[in-house]
Amino acid sequence: MLNVVRAGLAVAIAAVGPCSVSAQEWPAKQPIKVIVPFTAGSSTDISARVVFDQVGKQIGQTFIVENRTGAGTTIGSAFVAKADPDGYTLLVNSSSHAAVAATYSKTSYHPADDFAGVAMLANLPISVVAPLKYKTLADLVAAGQKSSLNFGSAGAGSAGHLFLERVRIAGKMNAVHIAFRGTPEGLTEILADRLDFYVAPVLNAVPLVREGKMNALAVGSAKRARSMPEVPTTAEAGLANAGYEFWAIALAPVKTPRPIIDRLAAEVQKALSLKDIEAKIEGLGGEPMPMKPGEVDAFLRKEIDVNIEIVKAAGFKPQ
């Protein structure tokens, strides 16, 4: 009988042991890898580096940011979804993570089901930018109602593309989408007056707008961006239901032990509360977006639904 009890205990320990041990030992075992599915220097990438460098100092461990780009962020996201759920591999993505569910018919992971929310790093407003001939969003809308325009984003089905589709639909404009490799290429076309409007992170738009080389017609966020307070929101500019929130999110593989998720979340919030970190995020045009892990999960699912509705309205066929 005693042997049976011991065997039962052994089975029970084996069932829960690894997660309990990893949660207790974390983060001493090894450096923590943060996968960013964007190029180095992007607002999402910089947000990850700023926040997790500070978190590393707080917990006495090294965070290594690794850029795994391609396929609309799905390569980097898939890597994390399949990683060991031990707290040593994280994902920092943008609104594109939610857009994937609407714009890709098949992926090796589900953007919500295969991840556990850790924290929102920042709200990173994006803007509608245009050549100097368009002074306001109303000017652009009027032009798009009279003749066909062209607009661009950093990839078909990207978060930026879906934002501008929402603007196009709300403004009842005739416009054709052109995909670019990235923001620099798109802005080059705006400056040359070969593209009618483009979506750009506030970080990239501010210098060119301040120099008088192009105009920012509206921001997609619900409120004006701190770094561009003179630029109205899409609603203020006359287009209801055209807004689009762009954010940076930290996620872990879904089976990561809850104690690790909670510890990470607490450390991220501690980092974001520091004045110098807050200033660096604001330097990106970003603003705080505090949420608890459960709230992050609910927010992500809601954003996925929003993107699905935009894709349906735009008639965009998932890839």
C-alpha atoms as a PDB file:
ATOM      1  CA  MET A   1       0.000   0.000   0.000  1.00  0.00           C
ATOM      2  CA  LEU A   2       2.857   2.330   0.914  1.00  0.00           C
ATOM      3  CA  ASN A   3       4.486   1.725  -2.470  1.00  0.00           C
ATOM      4  CA  VAL A   4       1.217   2.621  -4.197  1.00  0.00           C
ATOM      5  CA  VAL A   5       1.055   5.917  -2.276  1.00  0.00           C
ATOM      6  CA  ARG A   6       4.658   6.701  -3.127  1.00  0.00           C
ATOM      7  CA  ALA A   7       4.013   5.941  -6.775  1.00  0.00           C
ATOM      8  CA  GLY A   8       1.000   8.224  -6.740  1.00  0.00           C
ATOM      9  CA  LEU A   9       3.032  11.012  -5.172  1.00  0.00           C
ATOM     10  CA  ALA A  10       5.757  10.555  -7.761  1.00  0.00           C
ATOM     11  CA  VAL A  11       3.241  10.875 -10.569  1.00  0.00           C
ATOM     12  CA  ALA A  12       1.734  14.003  -9.001  1.00  0.00           C
ATOM     13  CA  ILE A  13       5.137  15.601  -8.532  1.00  0.00           C
ATOM     14  CA  ALA A  14       6.106  14.768 -12.101  1.00  0.00           C
ATOM     15  CA  ALA A  15       2.910  16.407 -13.328  1.00  0.00           C
ATOM     16  CA  VAL A  16       3.487  19.728 -11.588  1.00  0.00           C
ATOM     17  CA  GLY A  17       7.181  19.601 -10.749  1.00  0.00           C
ATOM     18  CA  PRO A  18       8.776  21.167 -13.862  1.00  0.00           C
ATOM     19  CA  CYS A  19       6.524  24.235 -13.887  1.00  0.00           C
ATOM     20  CA  SER A  20       6.899  24.704 -10.123  1.00  0.00           C
ATOM     21  CA  VAL A  21      10.667  24.378 -10.280  1.00  0.00           C
ATOM     22  CA  SER A  22      11.013  26.689 -13.275  1.00  0.00           C
ATOM     23  CA  ALA A  23       8.802  29.277 -11.621  1.00  0.00           C
ATOM     24  CA  GLN A  24      10.889  29.106  -8.445  1.00  0.00           C
ATOM     25  CA  GLU A  25      14.241  29.256 -10.252  1.00  0.00           C
ATOM     26  CA  TRP A  26      13.267  31.939 -12.781  1.00  0.00           C
ATOM     27  CA  PRO A  27      15.060  34.132 -13.804  1.00  0.00           C
ATOM     28  CA  ALA A  28      18.414  32.815 -12.569  1.00  0.00           C
ATOM     29  CA  LYS A  29      18.902  30.016 -15.105  1.00  0.00           C
ATOM     30  CA  GLN A  30      19.820  31.998 -18.253  1.00  0.00           C
ATOM     31  CA  PRO A  31      19.401  35.302 -20.124  1.00  0.00           C
ATOM     32  CA  ILE A  32      15.878  36.064 -21.322  1.00  0.00           C
ATOM     33  CA  LYS A  33      15.300  36.380 -25.055  1.00  0.00           C
ATOM     34  CA  VAL A  34      12.860  39.021 -26.320  1.00  0.00           C
ATOM     35  CA  ILE A  35      11.778  38.437 -29.922  1.00  0.00           C
ATOM     36  CA  VAL A  36      10.745  41.518 -31.901  1.00  0.00           C
ATOM     37  CA  PRO A  37       9.308  40.760 -35.374  1.00  0.00           C
ATOM     38  CA  PHE A  38      10.332  44.201 -36.688  1.00  0.00           C
ATOM     39  CA  THR A  39      13.618  45.690 -37.808  1.00  0.00           C
ATOM     40  CA  ALA A  40      15.944  47.301 -35.301  1.00  0.00           C
ATOM     41  CA  GLY A  41      15.163  50.973 -34.813  1.00  0.00           C
ATOM     42  CA  SER A  42      11.397  50.668 -35.241  1.00  0.00           C
ATOM     43  CA  SER A  43       9.229  52.139 -32.478  1.00  0.00           C
ATOM     44  CA  THR A  44       8.232  48.640 -31.344  1.00  0.00           C
ATOM     45  CA  ASP A  45      11.859  47.528 -31.250  1.00  0.00           C
ATOM     46  CA  ILE A  46      13.005  50.586 -29.307  1.00  0.00           C
ATOM     47  CA  SER A  47      10.129  50.202 -26.840  1.00  0.00           C
ATOM     48  CA  ALA A  48      11.209  46.633 -26.145  1.00  0.00           C
ATOM     49  CA  ARG A  49      14.837  47.611 -25.628  1.00  0.00           C
ATOM     50  CA  VAL A  50      14.043  50.568 -23.379  1.00  0.00           C
ATOM     51  CA  VAL A  51      11.644  48.676 -21.126  1.00  0.00           C
ATOM     52  CA  PHE A  52      13.403  45.331 -20.844  1.00  0.00           C
ATOM     53  CA  ASP A  53      16.839  46.844 -20.346  1.00  0.00           C
ATOM     54  CA  GLN A  54      15.388  48.441 -17.224  1.00  0.00           C
ATOM     55  CA  VAL A  55      13.568  45.263 -16.183  1.00  0.00           C
ATOM     56  CA  GLY A  56      16.881  43.427 -16.501  1.00  0.00           C
ATOM     57  CA  LYS A  57      18.461  45.855 -14.053  1.00  0.00           C
ATOM     58  CA  GLN A  58      15.580  45.361 -11.650  1.00  0.00           C
ATOM     59  CA  ILE A  59      15.731  41.559 -11.560  1.00  0.00           C
ATOM     60  CA  GLY A  60      19.464  41.121 -12.105  1.00  0.00           C
ATOM     61  CA  GLN A  61      19.206  39.290 -15.411  1.00  0.00           C
ATOM     62  CA  THR A  62      20.101  40.037 -19.037  1.00  0.00           C
ATOM     63  CA  PHE A  63      17.398  40.524 -21.644  1.00  0.00           C
ATOM     64  CA  ILE A  64      18.550  39.961 -25.230  1.00  0.00           C
ATOM     65  CA  VAL A  65      16.401  41.599 -27.904  1.00  0.00           C
ATOM     66  CA  GLU A  66      16.447  39.616 -31.146  1.00  0.00           C
ATOM     67  CA  ASN A  67      14.854  40.888 -34.370  1.00  0.00           C
ATOM     68  CA  ARG A  68      13.132  38.096 -36.332  1.00  0.00           C
ATOM     69  CA  THR A  69      11.390  39.822 -39.194  1.00  0.00           C
ATOM     70  CA  GLY A  70       9.349  38.699 -42.157  1.00  0.00           C
ATOM     71  CA  ALA A  71       5.923  37.474 -43.276  1.00  0.00           C
ATOM     72  CA  GLY A  72       4.005  40.264 -41.594  1.00  0.00           C
ATOM     73  CA  THR A  73       5.504  39.542 -38.135  1.00  0.00           C
ATOM     74  CA  THR A  74       4.397  35.885 -38.267  1.00  0.00           C
ATOM     75  CA  ILE A  75       7.928  34.441 -38.348  1.00  0.00           C
ATOM     76  CA  GLY A  76       8.926  35.994 -35.036  1.00  0.00           C
ATOM     77  CA  SER A  77       5.553  35.337 -33.425  1.00  0.00           C
ATOM     78  CA  ALA A  78       5.549  31.677 -34.486  1.00  0.00           C
ATOM     79  CA  PHE A  79       9.004  31.225 -32.957  1.00  0.00           C
ATOM     80  CA  VAL A  80       7.771  32.433 -29.571  1.00  0.00           C
ATOM     81  CA  ALA A  81       4.494  30.492 -29.753  1.00  0.00           C
ATOM     82  CA  LYS A  82       6.508  27.270 -30.136  1.00  0.00           C
ATOM     83  CA  ALA A  83       9.180  28.161 -27.566  1.00  0.00           C
ATOM     84  CA  ASP A  84       9.425  26.457 -24.188  1.00  0.00           C
ATOM     85  CA  PRO A  85       6.971  28.165 -21.802  1.00  0.00           C
ATOM     86  CA  ASP A  86       9.602  28.734 -19.156  1.00  0.00           C
ATOM     87  CA  GLY A  87       9.787  32.522 -19.033  1.00  0.00           C
ATOM     88  CA  TYR A  88      13.006  32.717 -21.027  1.00  0.00           C
ATOM     89  CA  THR A  89      11.434  33.601 -24.384  1.00  0.00           C
ATOM     90  CA  LEU A  90       9.094  36.567 -24.810  1.00  0.00           C
ATOM     91  CA  LEU A  91       7.494  38.400 -27.714  1.00  0.00           C
ATOM     92  CA  VAL A  92       7.124  42.142 -28.160  1.00  0.00           C
ATOM     93  CA  ASN A  93       4.851  42.896 -31.080  1.00  0.00           C
ATOM     94  CA  SER A  94       2.607  45.720 -32.235  1.00  0.00           C
ATOM     95  CA  SER A  95      -0.999  46.020 -33.372  1.00  0.00           C
ATOM     96  CA  SER A  96       0.108  43.873 -36.294  1.00  0.00           C
ATOM     97  CA  HIS A  97      -0.190  40.916 -33.926  1.00  0.00           C
ATOM     98  CA  ALA A  98      -3.968  41.431 -33.841  1.00  0.00           C
ATOM     99  CA  ALA A  99      -4.149  42.183 -37.566  1.00  0.00           C
ATOM    100  CA  VAL A 100      -2.628  38.788 -38.416  1.00  0.00           C
ATOM    101  CA  ALA A 101      -5.785  37.010 -37.271  1.00  0.00           C
ATOM    102  CA  ALA A 102      -7.762  38.920 -39.896  1.00  0.00           C
ATOM    103  CA  THR A 103      -5.284  39.112 -42.758  1.00  0.00           C
ATOM    104  CA  TYR A 104      -3.687  35.651 -42.773  1.00  0.00           C
ATOM    105  CA  SER A 105      -5.884  32.660 -43.564  1.00  0.00           C
ATOM    106  CA  LYS A 106      -3.361  30.183 -42.196  1.00  0.00           C
ATOM    107  CA  THR A 107      -0.669  30.565 -39.550  1.00  0.00           C
ATOM    108  CA  SER A 108       1.057  28.001 -37.358  1.00  0.00           C
ATOM    109  CA  TYR A 109      -0.236  29.784 -34.245  1.00  0.00           C
ATOM    110  CA  HIS A 110      -3.243  31.760 -33.021  1.00  0.00           C
ATOM    111  CA  PRO A 111      -2.444  35.352 -31.918  1.00  0.00           C
ATOM    112  CA  ALA A 112      -4.557  35.023 -28.768  1.00  0.00           C
ATOM    113  CA  ASP A 113      -4.881  31.311 -27.953  1.00  0.00           C
ATOM    114  CA  ASP A 114      -1.160  30.572 -28.099  1.00  0.00           C
ATOM    115  CA  PHE A 115       0.028  33.521 -25.991  1.00  0.00           C
ATOM    116  CA  ALA A 116      -0.368  34.860 -22.487  1.00  0.00           C
ATOM    117  CA  GLY A 117      -0.541  38.603 -22.024  1.00  0.00           C
ATOM    118  CA  VAL A 118       2.220  40.134 -19.916  1.00  0.00           C
ATOM    119  CA  ALA A 119       1.879  43.898 -20.351  1.00  0.00           C
ATOM    120  CA  MET A 120       1.198  46.754 -22.726  1.00  0.00           C
ATOM    121  CA  LEU A 121       4.433  48.664 -23.204  1.00  0.00           C
ATOM    122  CA  ALA A 122       2.943  51.768 -24.812  1.00  0.00           C
ATOM    123  CA  ASN A 123       0.324  53.292 -27.022  1.00  0.00           C
ATOM    124  CA  LEU A 124       2.294  54.428 -30.088  1.00  0.00           C
ATOM    125  CA  PRO A 125       0.054  56.728 -32.157  1.00  0.00           C
ATOM    126  CA  ILE A 126       0.213  56.499 -35.933  1.00  0.00           C
ATOM    127  CA  SER A 127      -0.617  59.327 -38.290  1.00  0.00           C
ATOM    128  CA  VAL A 128      -1.995  59.980 -41.753  1.00  0.00           C
ATOM    129  CA  VAL A 129       0.676  61.942 -43.605  1.00  0.00           C
ATOM    130  CA  ALA A 130       0.416  63.557 -47.032  1.00  0.00           C
ATOM    131  CA  PRO A 131       2.211  65.891 -49.463  1.00  0.00           C
ATOM    132  CA  LEU A 132       1.963  69.617 -48.743  1.00  0.00           C
ATOM    133  CA  LYS A 133      -0.843  70.060 -51.271  1.00  0.00           C
ATOM    134  CA  TYR A 134      -3.207  68.495 -48.739  1.00  0.00           C
ATOM    135  CA  LYS A 135      -3.617  70.871 -45.812  1.00  0.00           C
ATOM    136  CA  THR A 136      -6.289  68.960 -43.887  1.00  0.00           C
ATOM    137  CA  LEU A 137      -7.898  65.548 -43.822  1.00  0.00           C
ATOM    138  CA  ALA A 138     -10.997  67.172 -45.333  1.00  0.00           C
ATOM    139  CA  ASP A 139      -8.875  68.229 -48.328  1.00  0.00           C
ATOM    140  CA  LEU A 140      -7.714  64.664 -48.806  1.00  0.00           C
ATOM    141  CA  VAL A 141     -11.223  63.242 -48.478  1.00  0.00           C
ATOM    142  CA  ALA A 142     -12.602  65.721 -51.015  1.00  0.00           C
ATOM    143  CA  ALA A 143      -9.862  64.776 -53.491  1.00  0.00           C
ATOM    144  CA  GLY A 144     -10.514  61.078 -52.944  1.00  0.00           C
ATOM    145  CA  GLN A 145     -14.203  61.514 -53.616  1.00  0.00           C
ATOM    146  CA  LYS A 146     -13.538  63.271 -56.939  1.00  0.00           C
ATOM    147  CA  SER A 147     -10.811  61.030 -58.337  1.00  0.00           C
ATOM    148  CA  SER A 148      -8.807  57.923 -57.488  1.00  0.00           C
ATOM    149  CA  LEU A 149      -5.859  58.377 -55.129  1.00  0.00           C
ATOM    150  CA  ASN A 150      -3.114  56.045 -54.033  1.00  0.00           C
ATOM    151  CA  PHE A 151      -2.075  55.358 -50.469  1.00  0.00           C
ATOM    152  CA  GLY A 152       0.569  53.220 -48.857  1.00  0.00           C
ATOM    153  CA  SER A 153       1.668  51.279 -45.822  1.00  0.00           C
ATOM    154  CA  ALA A 154       4.472  48.959 -44.825  1.00  0.00           C
ATOM    155  CA  GLY A 155       2.775  45.855 -46.183  1.00  0.00           C
ATOM    156  CA  ALA A 156      -0.590  44.570 -47.342  1.00  0.00           C
ATOM    157  CA  GLY A 157      -2.628  43.491 -44.347  1.00  0.00           C
ATOM    158  CA  SER A 158      -0.397  45.329 -41.879  1.00  0.00           C
ATOM    159  CA  ALA A 159      -1.893  47.319 -39.023  1.00  0.00           C
ATOM    160  CA  GLY A 160      -1.064  50.529 -40.889  1.00  0.00           C
ATOM    161  CA  HIS A 161      -2.821  49.272 -43.999  1.00  0.00           C
ATOM    162  CA  LEU A 162      -5.960  48.434 -42.021  1.00  0.00           C
ATOM    163  CA  PHE A 163      -5.941  51.866 -40.403  1.00  0.00           C
ATOM    164  CA  LEU A 164      -5.868  53.602 -43.774  1.00  0.00           C
ATOM    165  CA  GLU A 165      -8.551  51.272 -45.105  1.00  0.00           C
ATOM    166  CA  ARG A 166     -10.684  52.479 -42.236  1.00  0.00           C
ATOM    167  CA  VAL A 167      -9.921  56.087 -43.181  1.00  0.00           C
ATOM    168  CA  ARG A 168     -10.701  55.369 -46.835  1.00  0.00           C
ATOM    169  CA  ILE A 169     -14.031  53.729 -46.005  1.00  0.00           C
ATOM    170  CA  ALA A 170     -15.090  56.429 -43.527  1.00  0.00           C
ATOM    171  CA  GLY A 171     -14.231  59.125 -46.064  1.00  0.00           C
ATOM    172  CA  LYS A 172     -15.903  57.254 -48.937  1.00  0.00           C
ATOM    173  CA  MET A 173     -12.737  57.751 -50.940  1.00  0.00           C
ATOM    174  CA  ASN A 174     -11.577  56.105 -54.138  1.00  0.00           C
ATOM    175  CA  ALA A 175      -8.052  54.973 -53.340  1.00  0.00           C
ATOM    176  CA  VAL A 176      -5.719  52.120 -54.194  1.00  0.00           C
ATOM    177  CA  HIS A 177      -3.277  50.611 -51.705  1.00  0.00           C
ATOM    178  CA  ILE A 178       0.440  50.280 -52.479  1.00  0.00           C
ATOM    179  CA  ALA A 179       2.620  48.144 -50.221  1.00  0.00           C
ATOM    180  CA  PHE A 180       6.133  49.321 -49.302  1.00  0.00           C
ATOM    181  CA  ARG A 181       8.990  47.520 -47.592  1.00  0.00           C
ATOM    182  CA  GLY A 182       8.946  50.014 -44.751  1.00  0.00           C
ATOM    183  CA  THR A 183       8.224  53.533 -43.563  1.00  0.00           C
ATOM    184  CA  PRO A 184      11.345  55.180 -45.088  1.00  0.00           C
ATOM    185  CA  GLU A 185      10.358  54.066 -48.599  1.00  0.00           C
ATOM    186  CA  GLY A 186       6.782  55.261 -48.181  1.00  0.00           C
ATOM    187  CA  LEU A 187       7.785  58.651 -46.808  1.00  0.00           C
ATOM    188  CA  THR A 188      10.166  59.118 -49.725  1.00  0.00           C
ATOM    189  CA  GLU A 189       7.188  58.822 -52.068  1.00  0.00           C
ATOM    190  CA  ILE A 190       5.182  61.319 -50.005  1.00  0.00           C
ATOM    191  CA  LEU A 191       8.042  63.834 -50.132  1.00  0.00           C
ATOM    192  CA  ALA A 192       8.265  63.382 -53.902  1.00  0.00           C
ATOM    193  CA  ASP A 193       4.489  63.887 -54.222  1.00  0.00           C
ATOM    194  CA  ARG A 194       4.089  60.498 -55.903  1.00  0.00           C
ATOM    195  CA  LEU A 195       1.859  59.122 -53.142  1.00  0.00           C
ATOM    196  CA  ASP A 196      -1.297  60.796 -51.821  1.00  0.00           C
ATOM    197  CA  PHE A 197      -1.240  59.539 -48.239  1.00  0.00           C
ATOM    198  CA  TYR A 198       0.701  57.166 -46.057  1.00  0.00           C
ATOM    199  CA  VAL A 199       0.586  55.859 -42.491  1.00  0.00           C
ATOM    200  CA  ALA A 200       3.576  56.753 -40.331  1.00  0.00           C
ATOM    201  CA  PRO A 201       4.416  56.368 -36.656  1.00  0.00           C
ATOM    202  CA  VAL A 202       4.433  59.742 -34.933  1.00  0.00           C
ATOM    203  CA  LEU A 203       8.137  59.117 -34.235  1.00  0.00           C
ATOM    204  CA  ASN A 204       8.864  59.217 -37.974  1.00  0.00           C
ATOM    205  CA  ALA A 205       6.371  61.936 -38.860  1.00  0.00           C
ATOM    206  CA  VAL A 206       7.320  64.635 -36.362  1.00  0.00           C
ATOM    207  CA  PRO A 207      10.719  65.671 -37.825  1.00  0.00           C
ATOM    208  CA  LEU A 208       9.437  65.941 -41.401  1.00  0.00           C
ATOM    209  CA  VAL A 209       6.302  67.798 -40.350  1.00  0.00           C
ATOM    210  CA  ARG A 210       8.297  70.216 -38.213  1.00  0.00           C
ATOM    211  CA  GLU A 211      10.606  70.890 -41.175  1.00  0.00           C
ATOM    212  CA  GLY A 212       7.608  71.721 -43.338  1.00  0.00           C
ATOM    213  CA  LYS A 213       8.273  68.888 -45.800  1.00  0.00           C
ATOM    214  CA  MET A 214       4.901  67.166 -45.437  1.00  0.00           C
ATOM    215  CA  ASN A 215       1.671  67.438 -43.467  1.00  0.00           C
ATOM    216  CA  ALA A 216       0.255  65.226 -40.759  1.00  0.00           C
ATOM    217  CA  LEU A 217      -3.508  65.269 -41.290  1.00  0.00           C
ATOM    218  CA  ALA A 218      -4.698  63.178 -38.344  1.00  0.00           C
ATOM    219  CA  VAL A 219      -3.652  60.601 -35.763  1.00  0.00           C
ATOM    220  CA  GLY A 220      -5.404  57.295 -35.349  1.00  0.00           C
ATOM    221  CA  SER A 221      -5.467  57.266 -31.541  1.00  0.00           C
ATOM    222  CA  ALA A 222      -8.530  58.229 -29.509  1.00  0.00           C
ATOM    223  CA  LYS A 223      -6.767  61.342 -28.251  1.00  0.00           C
ATOM    224  CA  ARG A 224      -4.129  63.632 -29.706  1.00  0.00           C
ATOM    225  CA  ALA A 225      -0.508  62.559 -29.510  1.00  0.00           C
ATOM    226  CA  ARG A 226       1.541  64.435 -26.920  1.00  0.00           C
ATOM    227  CA  SER A 227       4.358  64.962 -29.385  1.00  0.00           C
ATOM    228  CA  MET A 228       1.979  66.330 -32.071  1.00  0.00           C
ATOM    229  CA  PRO A 229      -0.709  68.156 -30.081  1.00  0.00           C
ATOM    230  CA  GLU A 230      -1.609  70.347 -33.053  1.00  0.00           C
ATOM    231  CA  VAL A 231      -2.680  67.344 -35.149  1.00  0.00           C
ATOM    232  CA  PRO A 232      -6.332  66.300 -34.687  1.00  0.00           C
ATOM    233  CA  THR A 233      -7.606  62.784 -34.224  1.00  0.00           C
ATOM    234  CA  THR A 234      -9.503  61.272 -37.150  1.00  0.00           C
ATOM    235  CA  ALA A 235     -12.768  61.927 -35.294  1.00  0.00           C
ATOM    236  CA  GLU A 236     -11.857  65.563 -34.695  1.00  0.00           C
ATOM    237  CA  ALA A 237     -10.923  65.857 -38.362  1.00  0.00           C
ATOM    238  CA  GLY A 238     -14.422  64.783 -39.370  1.00  0.00           C
ATOM    239  CA  LEU A 239     -14.208  61.010 -39.799  1.00  0.00           C
ATOM    240  CA  ALA A 240     -16.130  59.045 -37.207  1.00  0.00           C
ATOM    241  CA  ASN A 241     -15.203  55.369 -36.743  1.00  0.00           C
ATOM    242  CA  ALA A 242     -11.873  55.798 -38.530  1.00  0.00           C
ATOM    243  CA  GLY A 243      -9.589  55.601 -35.512  1.00  0.00           C
ATOM    244  CA  TYR A 244      -7.015  52.878 -34.999  1.00  0.00           C
ATOM    245  CA  GLU A 245      -4.936  52.288 -31.885  1.00  0.00           C
ATOM    246  CA  PHE A 246      -1.329  51.263 -32.466  1.00  0.00           C
ATOM    247  CA  TRP A 247       0.460  49.751 -29.506  1.00  0.00           C
ATOM    248  CA  ALA A 248       3.377  47.638 -28.320  1.00  0.00           C
ATOM    249  CA  ILE A 249       2.534  44.477 -26.386  1.00  0.00           C
ATOM    250  CA  ALA A 250       4.596  41.968 -24.390  1.00  0.00           C
ATOM    251  CA  LEU A 251       3.509  38.334 -24.593  1.00  0.00           C
ATOM    252  CA  ALA A 252       4.740  34.921 -23.480  1.00  0.00           C
ATOM    253  CA  PRO A 253       3.963  31.373 -24.653  1.00  0.00           C
ATOM    254  CA  VAL A 254       0.519  30.504 -23.311  1.00  0.00           C
ATOM    255  CA  LYS A 255       1.635  27.775 -20.894  1.00  0.00           C
ATOM    256  CA  THR A 256       4.196  29.964 -19.133  1.00  0.00           C
ATOM    257  CA  PRO A 257       3.680  29.547 -15.362  1.00  0.00           C
ATOM    258  CA  ARG A 258       1.417  32.206 -13.873  1.00  0.00           C
ATOM    259  CA  PRO A 259       3.951  33.225 -11.167  1.00  0.00           C
ATOM    260  CA  ILE A 260       6.433  34.121 -13.917  1.00  0.00           C
ATOM    261  CA  ILE A 261       3.800  36.072 -15.884  1.00  0.00           C
ATOM    262  CA  ASP A 262       2.793  37.993 -12.772  1.00  0.00           C
ATOM    263  CA  ARG A 263       6.411  38.748 -11.838  1.00  0.00           C
ATOM    264  CA  LEU A 264       7.175  39.970 -15.348  1.00  0.00           C
ATOM    265  CA  ALA A 265       4.057  42.117 -15.404  1.00  0.00           C
ATOM    266  CA  ALA A 266       4.926  43.721 -12.074  1.00  0.00           C
ATOM    267  CA  GLU A 267       8.499  44.438 -13.149  1.00  0.00           C
ATOM    268  CA  VAL A 268       7.371  45.977 -16.461  1.00  0.00           C
ATOM    269  CA  GLN A 269       4.926  48.257 -14.662  1.00  0.00           C
ATOM    270  CA  LYS A 270       7.658  49.246 -12.219  1.00  0.00           C
ATOM    271  CA  ALA A 271       9.943  50.110 -15.139  1.00  0.00           C
ATOM    272  CA  LEU A 272       7.271  52.111 -16.948  1.00  0.00           C
ATOM    273  CA  SER A 273       6.598  54.155 -13.799  1.00  0.00           C
ATOM    274  CA  LEU A 274      10.153  55.510 -13.755  1.00  0.00           C
ATOM    275  CA  LYS A 275      10.504  59.062 -15.043  1.00  0.00           C
ATOM    276  CA  ASP A 276      13.428  58.375 -17.342  1.00  0.00           C
ATOM    277  CA  ILE A 277      11.714  55.364 -18.932  1.00  0.00           C
ATOM    278  CA  GLU A 278       8.505  57.330 -19.329  1.00  0.00           C
ATOM    279  CA  ALA A 279      10.491  60.119 -21.003  1.00  0.00           C
ATOM    280  CA  LYS A 280      12.093  57.658 -23.434  1.00  0.00           C
ATOM    281  CA  ILE A 281       8.703  56.205 -24.373  1.00  0.00           C
ATOM    282  CA  GLU A 282       7.336  59.712 -24.867  1.00  0.00           C
ATOM    283  CA  GLY A 283      10.329  60.408 -27.090  1.00  0.00           C
ATOM    284  CA  LEU A 284       8.943  57.724 -29.396  1.00  0.00           C
ATOM    285  CA  GLY A 285       5.617  59.522 -29.452  1.00  0.00           C
ATOM    286  CA  GLY A 286       4.314  56.893 -27.062  1.00  0.00           C
ATOM    287  CA  GLU A 287       2.106  57.103 -24.020  1.00  0.00           C
ATOM    288  CA  PRO A 288       1.522  54.798 -21.034  1.00  0.00           C
ATOM    289  CA  MET A 289      -1.051  52.029 -21.461  1.00  0.00           C
ATOM    290  CA  PRO A 290      -1.108  50.215 -18.088  1.00  0.00           C
ATOM    291  CA  MET A 291      -2.932  46.863 -17.985  1.00  0.00           C
ATOM    292  CA  LYS A 292      -2.823  43.729 -15.876  1.00  0.00           C
ATOM    293  CA  PRO A 293      -2.117  40.400 -17.647  1.00  0.00           C
ATOM    294  CA  GLY A 294      -5.771  39.384 -17.753  1.00  0.00           C
ATOM    295  CA  GLU A 295      -6.712  42.782 -19.133  1.00  0.00           C
ATOM    296  CA  VAL A 296      -4.048  42.405 -21.817  1.00  0.00           C
ATOM    297  CA  ASP A 297      -5.581  39.091 -22.900  1.00  0.00           C
ATOM    298  CA  ALA A 298      -9.087  40.603 -23.108  1.00  0.00           C
ATOM    299  CA  PHE A 299      -7.809  43.675 -24.942  1.00  0.00           C
ATOM    300  CA  LEU A 300      -5.997  41.559 -27.525  1.00  0.00           C
ATOM    301  CA  ARG A 301      -9.100  39.500 -28.306  1.00  0.00           C
ATOM    302  CA  LYS A 302     -11.144  42.678 -28.695  1.00  0.00           C
ATOM    303  CA  GLU A 303      -8.555  44.141 -31.069  1.00  0.00           C
ATOM    304  CA  ILE A 304      -8.600  40.960 -33.144  1.00  0.00           C
ATOM    305  CA  ASP A 305     -12.374  41.351 -33.560  1.00  0.00           C
ATOM    306  CA  VAL A 306     -11.916  45.001 -34.599  1.00  0.00           C
ATOM    307  CA  ASN A 307      -9.417  44.005 -37.280  1.00  0.00           C
ATOM    308  CA  ILE A 308     -11.650  41.251 -38.610  1.00  0.00           C
ATOM    309  CA  GLU A 309     -14.447  43.783 -39.070  1.00  0.00           C
ATOM    310  CA  ILE A 310     -12.136  46.199 -40.900  1.00  0.00           C
ATOM    311  CA  VAL A 311     -10.998  43.454 -43.265  1.00  0.00           C
ATOM    312  CA  LYS A 312     -14.594  42.496 -44.039  1.00  0.00           C
ATOM    313  CA  ALA A 313     -15.575  46.115 -44.688  1.00  0.00           C
ATOM    314  CA  ALA A 314     -12.544  46.688 -46.900  1.00  0.00           C
ATOM    315  CA  GLY A 315     -13.089  43.540 -48.915  1.00  0.00           C
ATOM    316  CA  PHE A 316      -9.497  42.509 -48.280  1.00  0.00           C
ATOM    317  CA  LYS A 317      -8.843  38.835 -48.945  1.00  0.00           C
ATOM    318  CA  PRO A 318      -6.729  37.112 -46.282  1.00  0.00           C
ATOM    319  CA  GLN A 319      -3.404  35.860 -47.584  1.00  0.00           C
END
